[in-house]
């Protein structure tokens, strides 16, 4: 990777974002993987609709010669806690998690 991309990745990771670079040729494979997860009920429907349904797997007309794509994963985790044996324990929850009490 070039120096600019390396610096970009470092700064994004410092802010808690996971980053990867993929070849444009893998776009359809990524689409198929997401569809497979969705069809197998491995992705929460609400999560899919709010985070993935809008995504287009087509190369932009403005960038016909693009060869790579930077993928950034935003972690929308919620810190929480629970009690076990009278001791408070930390817990991190993914988005759209619904909790009930017993």
N, C-alpha and C. Protein backbone atom coordinates (compact mmCIF):
# COMPACT_ATOMS: atom_id res chain seq x y z
N UNK A 1 0.85 -1.19 0.00
CA UNK A 1 0.00 0.00 0.00
C UNK A 1 0.88 1.24 0.00
N UNK A 2 0.32 2.29 -0.52
CA UNK A 2 1.05 3.55 -0.54
C UNK A 2 1.07 4.21 0.82
N UNK A 3 1.94 5.18 0.94
CA UNK A 3 2.12 5.88 2.21
C UNK A 3 0.82 6.56 2.68
N UNK A 4 0.09 7.18 1.75
CA UNK A 4 -1.16 7.84 2.11
C UNK A 4 -2.17 6.85 2.68
N UNK A 5 -2.31 5.71 2.01
CA UNK A 5 -3.28 4.70 2.45
C UNK A 5 -2.87 4.14 3.81
N UNK A 6 -1.57 3.90 4.01
CA UNK A 6 -1.10 3.41 5.31
C UNK A 6 -1.46 4.40 6.42
N UNK A 7 -1.22 5.67 6.19
CA UNK A 7 -1.56 6.70 7.18
C UNK A 7 -3.06 6.76 7.42
N UNK A 8 -3.83 6.65 6.35
CA UNK A 8 -5.29 6.66 6.47
C UNK A 8 -5.77 5.51 7.34
N UNK A 9 -5.24 4.31 7.09
CA UNK A 9 -5.64 3.14 7.87
C UNK A 9 -5.27 3.30 9.34
N UNK A 10 -4.09 3.83 9.62
CA UNK A 10 -3.66 4.05 11.01
C UNK A 10 -4.62 5.01 11.70
N UNK A 11 -4.94 6.10 11.04
CA UNK A 11 -5.85 7.09 11.67
C UNK A 11 -7.25 6.51 11.89
N UNK A 12 -7.74 5.75 10.94
CA UNK A 12 -9.06 5.15 11.11
C UNK A 12 -9.05 4.14 12.26
N UNK A 13 -8.01 3.34 12.36
CA UNK A 13 -7.92 2.36 13.46
C UNK A 13 -7.80 3.05 14.81
N UNK A 14 -7.10 4.18 14.86
CA UNK A 14 -7.00 4.95 16.11
C UNK A 14 -8.37 5.42 16.58
N UNK A 15 -9.27 5.59 15.66
CA UNK A 15 -10.62 6.04 15.99
C UNK A 15 -11.60 4.87 16.17
N UNK A 16 -11.08 3.65 16.15
CA UNK A 16 -11.91 2.48 16.41
C UNK A 16 -12.55 1.85 15.19
N UNK A 17 -12.13 2.24 13.99
CA UNK A 17 -12.70 1.68 12.77
C UNK A 17 -11.81 0.56 12.25
N UNK A 18 -12.41 -0.55 11.86
CA UNK A 18 -11.67 -1.63 11.21
C UNK A 18 -11.65 -1.32 9.72
N UNK A 19 -10.50 -1.51 9.08
CA UNK A 19 -10.38 -1.18 7.66
C UNK A 19 -9.72 -2.32 6.90
N UNK A 20 -10.14 -2.49 5.67
CA UNK A 20 -9.54 -3.45 4.75
C UNK A 20 -9.58 -2.84 3.36
N UNK A 21 -8.67 -3.30 2.54
CA UNK A 21 -8.69 -2.91 1.14
C UNK A 21 -8.95 -4.18 0.32
N UNK A 22 -9.92 -4.10 -0.58
CA UNK A 22 -10.23 -5.25 -1.43
C UNK A 22 -10.16 -4.84 -2.89
N UNK A 23 -9.96 -5.81 -3.73
CA UNK A 23 -9.96 -5.57 -5.17
C UNK A 23 -11.39 -5.35 -5.64
N UNK A 24 -11.55 -4.45 -6.59
CA UNK A 24 -12.87 -4.21 -7.17
C UNK A 24 -13.45 -5.51 -7.73
N UNK A 25 -12.57 -6.39 -8.19
CA UNK A 25 -13.04 -7.66 -8.76
C UNK A 25 -13.74 -8.54 -7.72
N UNK A 26 -13.58 -8.25 -6.43
CA UNK A 26 -14.22 -9.03 -5.38
C UNK A 26 -15.57 -8.49 -4.93
N UNK A 27 -16.02 -7.42 -5.56
CA UNK A 27 -17.28 -6.80 -5.15
C UNK A 27 -18.46 -7.77 -5.22
N UNK A 28 -18.55 -8.53 -6.29
CA UNK A 28 -19.68 -9.45 -6.43
C UNK A 28 -19.59 -10.61 -5.45
N UNK A 29 -18.37 -11.03 -5.14
CA UNK A 29 -18.18 -12.07 -4.12
C UNK A 29 -18.65 -11.56 -2.76
N UNK A 30 -18.33 -10.32 -2.44
CA UNK A 30 -18.79 -9.71 -1.19
C UNK A 30 -20.31 -9.64 -1.16
N UNK A 31 -20.93 -9.26 -2.26
CA UNK A 31 -22.39 -9.21 -2.35
C UNK A 31 -22.99 -10.58 -2.09
N UNK A 32 -22.40 -11.62 -2.70
CA UNK A 32 -22.91 -12.98 -2.52
C UNK A 32 -22.77 -13.45 -1.08
N UNK A 33 -21.66 -13.11 -0.44
CA UNK A 33 -21.45 -13.50 0.96
C UNK A 33 -22.49 -12.86 1.86
N UNK A 34 -22.76 -11.57 1.64
CA UNK A 34 -23.76 -10.87 2.46
C UNK A 34 -25.14 -11.47 2.21
N UNK A 35 -25.47 -11.75 0.96
CA UNK A 35 -26.77 -12.37 0.65
C UNK A 35 -26.90 -13.74 1.30
N UNK A 36 -25.83 -14.51 1.29
CA UNK A 36 -25.85 -15.84 1.91
C UNK A 36 -26.09 -15.72 3.42
N UNK A 37 -25.40 -14.79 4.08
CA UNK A 37 -25.62 -14.57 5.51
C UNK A 37 -27.06 -14.17 5.79
N UNK A 38 -27.58 -13.32 4.93
CA UNK A 38 -28.97 -12.86 5.11
C UNK A 38 -29.95 -14.00 4.90
N UNK A 39 -29.74 -14.79 3.87
CA UNK A 39 -30.64 -15.90 3.56
C UNK A 39 -30.60 -16.99 4.62
N UNK A 40 -29.49 -17.12 5.33
CA UNK A 40 -29.35 -18.13 6.38
C UNK A 40 -29.75 -17.58 7.75
N UNK A 41 -30.35 -16.38 7.76
CA UNK A 41 -30.75 -15.72 9.00
C UNK A 41 -29.56 -15.49 9.95
N UNK A 42 -28.38 -15.30 9.39
CA UNK A 42 -27.21 -15.00 10.19
C UNK A 42 -27.04 -13.51 10.41
N UNK A 43 -27.82 -12.71 9.69
CA UNK A 43 -27.82 -11.26 9.87
C UNK A 43 -29.18 -10.83 10.39
N UNK A 44 -29.17 -10.03 11.42
CA UNK A 44 -30.40 -9.47 11.95
C UNK A 44 -31.06 -8.62 10.87
N UNK A 45 -32.35 -8.81 10.66
CA UNK A 45 -33.07 -8.10 9.61
C UNK A 45 -33.00 -6.58 9.77
N UNK A 46 -33.19 -6.11 10.99
CA UNK A 46 -33.13 -4.67 11.25
C UNK A 46 -31.73 -4.12 10.97
N UNK A 47 -30.71 -4.89 11.36
CA UNK A 47 -29.33 -4.49 11.09
C UNK A 47 -29.09 -4.41 9.59
N UNK A 48 -29.54 -5.41 8.86
CA UNK A 48 -29.36 -5.42 7.41
C UNK A 48 -30.03 -4.21 6.77
N UNK A 49 -31.29 -3.96 7.15
CA UNK A 49 -32.03 -2.85 6.55
C UNK A 49 -31.38 -1.50 6.85
N UNK A 50 -30.89 -1.32 8.06
CA UNK A 50 -30.33 -0.02 8.43
C UNK A 50 -28.88 0.17 8.00
N UNK A 51 -28.14 -0.92 7.83
CA UNK A 51 -26.70 -0.80 7.57
C UNK A 51 -26.24 -1.30 6.20
N UNK A 52 -26.96 -2.22 5.59
CA UNK A 52 -26.44 -2.85 4.37
C UNK A 52 -27.34 -2.75 3.15
N UNK A 53 -28.63 -2.61 3.33
CA UNK A 53 -29.56 -2.66 2.20
C UNK A 53 -29.32 -1.56 1.18
N UNK A 54 -28.82 -0.43 1.60
CA UNK A 54 -28.61 0.71 0.71
C UNK A 54 -27.36 0.56 -0.16
N UNK A 55 -26.47 -0.36 0.20
CA UNK A 55 -25.17 -0.45 -0.45
C UNK A 55 -25.29 -0.96 -1.88
N UNK A 56 -24.58 -0.30 -2.79
CA UNK A 56 -24.53 -0.72 -4.19
C UNK A 56 -23.21 -1.42 -4.45
N UNK A 57 -23.24 -2.53 -5.11
CA UNK A 57 -22.04 -3.29 -5.42
C UNK A 57 -21.54 -3.00 -6.83
N UNK A 58 -21.93 -1.87 -7.37
CA UNK A 58 -21.52 -1.47 -8.72
C UNK A 58 -20.39 -0.45 -8.63
N UNK A 59 -19.47 -0.51 -9.57
CA UNK A 59 -18.39 0.47 -9.65
C UNK A 59 -19.00 1.78 -10.14
N UNK A 60 -18.65 2.88 -9.48
CA UNK A 60 -19.19 4.18 -9.86
C UNK A 60 -18.74 4.57 -11.26
N UNK A 61 -19.64 5.16 -12.01
CA UNK A 61 -19.32 5.61 -13.36
C UNK A 61 -18.21 6.66 -13.34
N UNK A 62 -18.14 7.44 -12.25
CA UNK A 62 -17.11 8.48 -12.12
C UNK A 62 -15.71 7.89 -11.95
N UNK A 63 -15.63 6.61 -11.57
CA UNK A 63 -14.34 5.97 -11.29
C UNK A 63 -14.19 4.66 -12.08
N UNK A 64 -14.28 4.72 -13.39
CA UNK A 64 -14.26 3.49 -14.18
C UNK A 64 -12.95 2.71 -14.10
N UNK A 65 -11.86 3.37 -13.75
CA UNK A 65 -10.56 2.70 -13.68
C UNK A 65 -10.17 2.29 -12.26
N UNK A 66 -11.09 2.41 -11.32
CA UNK A 66 -10.78 2.04 -9.93
C UNK A 66 -10.42 0.57 -9.87
N UNK A 67 -9.40 0.25 -9.08
CA UNK A 67 -8.95 -1.12 -8.95
C UNK A 67 -9.13 -1.67 -7.54
N UNK A 68 -9.29 -0.76 -6.57
CA UNK A 68 -9.41 -1.18 -5.17
C UNK A 68 -10.51 -0.40 -4.48
N UNK A 69 -10.97 -0.96 -3.39
CA UNK A 69 -12.01 -0.34 -2.58
C UNK A 69 -11.59 -0.45 -1.12
N UNK A 70 -11.72 0.65 -0.39
CA UNK A 70 -11.43 0.64 1.04
C UNK A 70 -12.75 0.39 1.77
N UNK A 71 -12.78 -0.67 2.56
CA UNK A 71 -13.96 -1.03 3.33
C UNK A 71 -13.71 -0.63 4.78
N UNK A 72 -14.63 0.14 5.35
CA UNK A 72 -14.51 0.61 6.73
C UNK A 72 -15.69 0.07 7.52
N UNK A 73 -15.39 -0.62 8.61
CA UNK A 73 -16.44 -1.16 9.47
C UNK A 73 -16.57 -0.27 10.70
N UNK A 74 -17.75 0.29 10.87
CA UNK A 74 -18.04 1.13 12.02
C UNK A 74 -18.64 0.24 13.10
N UNK A 75 -18.00 0.20 14.24
CA UNK A 75 -18.51 -0.61 15.33
C UNK A 75 -19.43 0.23 16.20
N UNK A 76 -20.68 -0.12 16.18
CA UNK A 76 -21.70 0.59 16.94
C UNK A 76 -22.05 -0.25 18.16
N UNK A 77 -21.07 -0.42 19.03
CA UNK A 77 -21.27 -1.26 20.20
C UNK A 77 -21.68 -0.43 21.40
N UNK A 78 -22.50 -1.03 22.25
CA UNK A 78 -22.99 -0.34 23.44
C UNK A 78 -22.42 -0.99 24.69
N UNK A 79 -21.70 -0.20 25.49
CA UNK A 79 -21.21 -0.77 26.75
C UNK A 79 -22.37 -0.96 27.73
N UNK A 80 -22.32 -2.01 28.46
CA UNK A 80 -23.35 -2.31 29.44
C UNK A 80 -22.71 -3.14 30.55
N UNK A 81 -23.52 -3.65 31.43
CA UNK A 81 -23.01 -4.53 32.47
C UNK A 81 -24.15 -5.40 32.99
N UNK A 82 -23.79 -6.44 33.71
CA UNK A 82 -24.77 -7.31 34.34
C UNK A 82 -24.17 -7.82 35.65
N UNK A 83 -25.02 -8.36 36.48
CA UNK A 83 -24.57 -8.90 37.77
C UNK A 83 -24.60 -10.42 37.73
N UNK A 84 -23.52 -11.00 38.21
CA UNK A 84 -23.44 -12.45 38.33
C UNK A 84 -22.78 -12.75 39.66
N UNK A 85 -23.48 -13.50 40.48
CA UNK A 85 -23.00 -13.83 41.82
C UNK A 85 -22.63 -12.56 42.60
N UNK A 86 -23.49 -11.58 42.53
CA UNK A 86 -23.39 -10.32 43.25
C UNK A 86 -22.22 -9.44 42.79
N UNK A 87 -21.66 -9.79 41.66
CA UNK A 87 -20.54 -9.00 41.13
C UNK A 87 -20.93 -8.40 39.77
N UNK A 88 -20.67 -7.10 39.64
CA UNK A 88 -20.97 -6.42 38.39
C UNK A 88 -19.91 -6.78 37.35
N UNK A 89 -20.37 -7.17 36.15
CA UNK A 89 -19.45 -7.57 35.08
C UNK A 89 -19.74 -6.76 33.82
N UNK A 90 -18.68 -6.34 33.14
CA UNK A 90 -18.87 -5.55 31.91
C UNK A 90 -19.37 -6.43 30.76
N UNK A 91 -20.08 -5.80 29.87
CA UNK A 91 -20.64 -6.49 28.71
C UNK A 91 -20.76 -5.48 27.57
N UNK A 92 -20.39 -5.87 26.38
CA UNK A 92 -20.52 -5.02 25.21
C UNK A 92 -21.54 -5.65 24.28
N UNK A 93 -22.53 -4.85 23.88
CA UNK A 93 -23.63 -5.36 23.08
C UNK A 93 -23.59 -4.82 21.65
N UNK A 94 -23.90 -5.66 20.68
CA UNK A 94 -24.00 -5.17 19.30
C UNK A 94 -25.27 -4.35 19.13
N UNK A 95 -25.36 -3.57 18.05
CA UNK A 95 -26.56 -2.76 17.84
C UNK A 95 -27.81 -3.64 17.71
N UNK A 96 -28.93 -3.09 18.05
CA UNK A 96 -30.25 -3.72 17.93
C UNK A 96 -30.43 -4.92 18.87
N UNK A 97 -29.62 -5.00 19.92
CA UNK A 97 -29.79 -6.07 20.89
C UNK A 97 -30.92 -5.69 21.83
N UNK A 98 -31.81 -6.62 22.06
CA UNK A 98 -32.91 -6.39 22.99
C UNK A 98 -32.70 -7.28 24.21
N UNK A 99 -32.76 -6.67 25.36
CA UNK A 99 -32.56 -7.41 26.60
C UNK A 99 -33.87 -7.49 27.37
N UNK A 100 -34.04 -8.62 28.03
CA UNK A 100 -35.18 -8.80 28.93
C UNK A 100 -34.65 -9.27 30.26
N UNK A 101 -35.39 -9.01 31.30
CA UNK A 101 -34.97 -9.49 32.62
C UNK A 101 -35.79 -10.70 32.98
N UNK A 102 -35.18 -11.58 33.74
CA UNK A 102 -35.86 -12.81 34.13
C UNK A 102 -36.74 -12.57 35.34
